[in-house]
Protein backbone atom coordinates (compact mmCIF):
# COMPACT_ATOMS: atom_id res chain seq x y z
CA MET A 1 9.24 38.88 9.23
CA LYS A 2 7.19 40.32 6.43
CA PHE A 3 6.41 38.46 3.22
CA THR A 4 5.26 40.04 0.05
CA GLN A 5 2.31 38.37 -1.58
CA GLY A 6 4.30 37.47 -4.69
CA GLY A 7 7.23 35.97 -2.76
CA HIS A 8 5.02 33.85 -0.55
CA ALA A 9 3.01 32.55 -3.50
CA ARG A 10 6.21 31.69 -5.35
CA GLU A 11 7.58 29.75 -2.36
CA THR A 12 4.28 27.87 -2.00
CA HIS A 13 4.26 26.99 -5.71
CA THR A 14 7.85 25.74 -5.55
CA MET A 15 7.06 23.60 -2.49
CA GLN A 16 3.95 22.15 -4.16
CA ARG A 17 5.94 21.25 -7.27
CA ALA A 18 8.66 19.60 -5.17
CA CYS A 19 6.04 17.64 -3.25
CA LYS A 20 4.35 16.46 -6.47
CA THR A 21 7.70 15.44 -7.94
CA PHE A 22 8.53 13.47 -4.79
CA TRP A 23 5.23 11.54 -4.82
CA ILE A 24 5.39 10.81 -8.55
CA GLY A 25 8.95 9.52 -8.15
CA LEU A 26 7.94 7.38 -5.19
CA LEU A 27 5.01 5.88 -7.12
CA VAL A 28 7.25 5.09 -10.09
CA LEU A 29 9.71 3.31 -7.80
CA LEU A 30 6.98 1.38 -6.00
CA PHE A 31 5.15 0.22 -9.09
CA ASP A 32 8.07 -0.33 -11.40
CA SER A 33 7.89 -3.95 -12.53
CA ASN A 34 11.62 -4.41 -11.94
CA CYS A 35 11.26 -3.45 -8.27
CA MET A 36 8.28 -5.61 -7.39
CA ALA A 37 8.54 -9.11 -5.97
CA ASP A 38 6.77 -11.99 -7.67
CA THR A 39 4.57 -12.57 -4.62
CA LEU A 40 3.46 -10.04 -2.02
CA THR A 41 3.50 -11.47 1.51
CA LEU A 42 0.96 -10.08 3.97
CA THR A 43 0.91 -10.82 7.69
CA THR A 44 -2.15 -10.52 9.90
CA GLU A 45 -3.23 -11.31 13.45
CA ASP A 46 -5.86 -13.70 14.83
CA TYR A 47 -8.91 -11.42 15.06
CA PRO A 48 -12.15 -13.37 14.51
CA PRO A 49 -14.29 -13.11 12.40
CA PHE A 50 -12.04 -10.93 10.23
CA ASN A 51 -8.89 -13.07 10.35
CA VAL A 52 -8.82 -16.58 11.78
CA LYS A 53 -6.47 -19.53 11.62
CA ALA A 54 -7.96 -21.74 8.92
CA GLU A 55 -8.11 -25.49 8.77
CA ASN A 56 -9.13 -25.77 5.10
CA GLY A 57 -5.63 -25.87 3.67
CA LYS A 58 -5.15 -22.11 3.73
CA PRO A 59 -3.19 -20.59 6.61
CA VAL A 60 -5.70 -17.76 7.19
CA SER A 61 -9.38 -17.18 6.41
CA GLY A 62 -12.07 -14.68 7.42
CA LEU A 63 -13.92 -11.61 6.15
CA SER A 64 -10.93 -9.30 5.74
CA THR A 65 -8.80 -12.06 4.29
CA ASP A 66 -11.45 -12.89 1.69
CA ILE A 67 -11.79 -9.22 0.69
CA ILE A 68 -8.03 -8.72 0.35
CA THR A 69 -7.64 -11.99 -1.56
CA GLU A 70 -10.36 -11.03 -4.05
CA MET A 71 -9.01 -7.50 -4.43
CA MET A 72 -5.50 -8.74 -5.20
CA LYS A 73 -6.85 -11.40 -7.57
CA ARG A 74 -8.67 -8.70 -9.55
CA ALA A 75 -5.51 -6.58 -9.59
CA ASP A 76 -3.53 -9.63 -10.80
CA ILE A 77 -1.17 -9.49 -7.81
CA ALA A 78 -0.01 -12.77 -6.31
CA ILE A 79 -0.15 -12.80 -2.51
CA THR A 80 0.42 -15.09 0.45
CA ILE A 81 -1.19 -14.31 3.79
CA ASP A 82 0.50 -15.50 6.99
CA MET A 83 -0.77 -15.41 10.57
CA TYR A 84 1.34 -13.49 13.07
CA PRO A 85 2.36 -15.92 15.81
């Protein structure tokens, strides 16, 4: 099969545009305020010192948990973190 330079470039441009349109549409759906839940629920495993079962009133604590909690607080996203049984 032989492609001409112009035909191949046109197909590549069309595919790139379709890919961009897909990702933009996906982002709009994901971050549309009507589609988002009030609270994002995250689930993690027991993997000390990054994620450990806490005894201080929170279900999970640890390095990774603290980082994610602070990141979501700064982004103004409410989260709950559960431990995978």
